[in-house]
Each structure stands twice: as structure tokens, then as C-alpha cells.
């Protein structure tokens, strides 16, 4: 089993938010956590219909990162797109 597959299994096995937060903070640096949470925020903003240039300005990130997210969301079958569609109004 490769490491990514194993990690995906571990993440699926963690079923409460507190444990997941602890796990993520144990295996990531604060900078890595900021990066991944920024990417998640970007995806939510794109899904909400925000303009790419506005997102770049607000989050202080390059249009390249935003373009990657936009391409993912254009694929209606993407897991990210499906998750955001179903959980658009969910509060975490």
C-alpha cells in the first residue's frame, strides 16, 4: 500500500473533528496547515461564484493557484465539487 492510500484510509477512519484537528496539527507544521486551509477557503470562494481577481487580491495569492482550483470545480464529477455542492451551507 502506498503512503497516500494509507493516509487516505487514516483520514477516513477519524470520525470526530477534535481528533482530526489534533491529528492534522501533529503531522503538519503551522505553515502547512495555513496553506491547506487557504486552499480550502479558495475552493469555497470559487464555488460561491467569487471573481478570481477578487479572490487573488483578498487572499494575496497568485492567479495560478486560483486557476488550478477553478479547473477542479469545472469538472462536475470532481470529489471537491461534489462535496462543496452538498455541503455549501454547512457550518463546521
C-alpha atoms as a PDB file:
ATOM      1  CA  UNK A   1       0.000   0.000   0.000  1.00  0.00           C
ATOM      2  CA  UNK A   2       1.437   3.398  -0.875  1.00  0.00           C
ATOM      3  CA  UNK A   3       1.630   6.215   1.666  1.00  0.00           C
ATOM      4  CA  UNK A   4      -1.091   8.378   0.095  1.00  0.00           C
ATOM      5  CA  UNK A   5      -3.551   5.476   0.065  1.00  0.00           C
ATOM      6  CA  UNK A   6      -2.701   4.663   3.666  1.00  0.00           C
ATOM      7  CA  UNK A   7      -3.095   8.297   4.733  1.00  0.00           C
ATOM      8  CA  UNK A   8      -6.482   8.498   2.988  1.00  0.00           C
ATOM      9  CA  UNK A   9      -7.576   5.450   4.986  1.00  0.00           C
ATOM     10  CA  UNK A  10      -6.400   7.015   8.249  1.00  0.00           C
ATOM     11  CA  UNK A  11      -8.249  10.265   7.488  1.00  0.00           C
ATOM     12  CA  UNK A  12     -11.425   8.327   6.712  1.00  0.00           C
ATOM     13  CA  UNK A  13     -11.114   6.430   9.996  1.00  0.00           C
ATOM     14  CA  UNK A  14     -11.012   9.614  12.100  1.00  0.00           C
ATOM     15  CA  UNK A  15     -14.647  10.445  12.713  1.00  0.00           C
ATOM     16  CA  UNK A  16     -14.635  13.425  15.043  1.00  0.00           C
ATOM     17  CA  UNK A  17     -13.491  16.981  14.486  1.00  0.00           C
ATOM     18  CA  UNK A  18     -11.370  17.301  17.642  1.00  0.00           C
ATOM     19  CA  UNK A  19      -9.378  14.161  16.829  1.00  0.00           C
ATOM     20  CA  UNK A  20      -8.951  15.273  13.218  1.00  0.00           C
ATOM     21  CA  UNK A  21      -7.679  18.709  14.285  1.00  0.00           C
ATOM     22  CA  UNK A  22      -5.192  17.102  16.664  1.00  0.00           C
ATOM     23  CA  UNK A  23      -4.026  14.619  14.027  1.00  0.00           C
ATOM     24  CA  UNK A  24      -3.585  17.328  11.386  1.00  0.00           C
ATOM     25  CA  UNK A  25      -1.641  19.548  13.794  1.00  0.00           C
ATOM     26  CA  UNK A  26       0.592  16.622  14.755  1.00  0.00           C
ATOM     27  CA  UNK A  27       1.595  15.722  11.199  1.00  0.00           C
ATOM     28  CA  UNK A  28       1.719  19.229   9.662  1.00  0.00           C
ATOM     29  CA  UNK A  29       3.682  22.346  10.505  1.00  0.00           C
ATOM     30  CA  UNK A  30       1.687  25.520  11.221  1.00  0.00           C
ATOM     31  CA  UNK A  31       2.684  26.792   7.767  1.00  0.00           C
ATOM     32  CA  UNK A  32       1.432  23.647   6.057  1.00  0.00           C
ATOM     33  CA  UNK A  33      -1.879  23.931   7.905  1.00  0.00           C
ATOM     34  CA  UNK A  34      -2.207  27.574   6.814  1.00  0.00           C
ATOM     35  CA  UNK A  35      -1.515  26.577   3.203  1.00  0.00           C
ATOM     36  CA  UNK A  36      -4.062  23.778   3.113  1.00  0.00           C
ATOM     37  CA  UNK A  37      -6.723  25.850   4.885  1.00  0.00           C
ATOM     38  CA  UNK A  38      -6.062  28.701   2.431  1.00  0.00           C
ATOM     39  CA  UNK A  39      -6.614  26.285  -0.461  1.00  0.00           C
ATOM     40  CA  UNK A  40      -9.889  25.145   1.112  1.00  0.00           C
ATOM     41  CA  UNK A  41     -11.012  28.766   1.564  1.00  0.00           C
ATOM     42  CA  UNK A  42     -10.134  29.434  -2.084  1.00  0.00           C
ATOM     43  CA  UNK A  43     -12.243  26.481  -3.239  1.00  0.00           C
ATOM     44  CA  UNK A  44     -15.237  27.675  -1.206  1.00  0.00           C
ATOM     45  CA  UNK A  45     -14.911  31.198  -2.614  1.00  0.00           C
ATOM     46  CA  UNK A  46     -14.749  29.885  -6.180  1.00  0.00           C
ATOM     47  CA  UNK A  47     -17.766  27.657  -5.604  1.00  0.00           C
ATOM     48  CA  UNK A  48     -19.662  30.677  -4.245  1.00  0.00           C
ATOM     49  CA  UNK A  49     -19.023  32.458  -7.555  1.00  0.00           C
ATOM     50  CA  UNK A  50     -16.428  34.990  -6.445  1.00  0.00           C
ATOM     51  CA  UNK A  51     -14.287  36.526  -9.200  1.00  0.00           C
ATOM     52  CA  UNK A  52     -10.772  35.115  -9.476  1.00  0.00           C
ATOM     53  CA  UNK A  53      -9.077  38.520  -9.340  1.00  0.00           C
ATOM     54  CA  UNK A  54     -11.046  39.457  -6.211  1.00  0.00           C
ATOM     55  CA  UNK A  55     -10.004  36.192  -4.566  1.00  0.00           C
ATOM     56  CA  UNK A  56      -6.354  36.777  -5.519  1.00  0.00           C
ATOM     57  CA  UNK A  57      -6.472  40.251  -4.034  1.00  0.00           C
ATOM     58  CA  UNK A  58      -8.247  39.210  -0.822  1.00  0.00           C
ATOM     59  CA  UNK A  59      -6.182  36.084  -0.136  1.00  0.00           C
ATOM     60  CA  UNK A  60      -2.934  37.531  -1.525  1.00  0.00           C
ATOM     61  CA  UNK A  61      -2.304  34.512  -3.745  1.00  0.00           C
ATOM     62  CA  UNK A  62      -1.374  34.043  -7.382  1.00  0.00           C
ATOM     63  CA  UNK A  63      -3.881  33.512 -10.141  1.00  0.00           C
ATOM     64  CA  UNK A  64      -2.105  30.178 -10.858  1.00  0.00           C
ATOM     65  CA  UNK A  65      -3.392  28.687  -7.596  1.00  0.00           C
ATOM     66  CA  UNK A  66      -6.844  30.022  -8.320  1.00  0.00           C
ATOM     67  CA  UNK A  67      -6.807  28.646 -11.873  1.00  0.00           C
ATOM     68  CA  UNK A  68      -5.999  25.178 -10.523  1.00  0.00           C
ATOM     69  CA  UNK A  69      -8.988  25.377  -8.169  1.00  0.00           C
ATOM     70  CA  UNK A  70     -11.216  26.666 -10.942  1.00  0.00           C
ATOM     71  CA  UNK A  71     -10.270  23.748 -13.210  1.00  0.00           C
ATOM     72  CA  UNK A  72     -11.135  21.292 -10.435  1.00  0.00           C
ATOM     73  CA  UNK A  73     -14.563  22.875  -9.957  1.00  0.00           C
ATOM     74  CA  UNK A  74     -15.282  22.883 -13.708  1.00  0.00           C
ATOM     75  CA  UNK A  75     -15.144  19.093 -13.532  1.00  0.00           C
ATOM     76  CA  UNK A  76     -18.635  18.354 -12.241  1.00  0.00           C
ATOM     77  CA  UNK A  77     -17.547  14.827 -11.298  1.00  0.00           C
ATOM     78  CA  UNK A  78     -14.679  16.009  -9.047  1.00  0.00           C
ATOM     79  CA  UNK A  79     -14.936  14.946  -5.415  1.00  0.00           C
ATOM     80  CA  UNK A  80     -14.217  18.514  -4.300  1.00  0.00           C
ATOM     81  CA  UNK A  81     -17.010  19.896  -6.451  1.00  0.00           C
ATOM     82  CA  UNK A  82     -19.490  17.284  -5.238  1.00  0.00           C
ATOM     83  CA  UNK A  83     -18.550  17.845  -1.588  1.00  0.00           C
ATOM     84  CA  UNK A  84     -18.907  21.620  -1.854  1.00  0.00           C
ATOM     85  CA  UNK A  85     -22.227  21.282  -3.659  1.00  0.00           C
ATOM     86  CA  UNK A  86     -23.722  19.036  -0.968  1.00  0.00           C
ATOM     87  CA  UNK A  87     -22.186  20.933   1.968  1.00  0.00           C
ATOM     88  CA  UNK A  88     -22.442  24.515   0.681  1.00  0.00           C
ATOM     89  CA  UNK A  89     -24.375  25.824   3.680  1.00  0.00           C
ATOM     90  CA  UNK A  90     -22.847  23.569   6.314  1.00  0.00           C
ATOM     91  CA  UNK A  91     -21.201  25.208   9.324  1.00  0.00           C
ATOM     92  CA  UNK A  92     -18.135  23.415  10.644  1.00  0.00           C
END
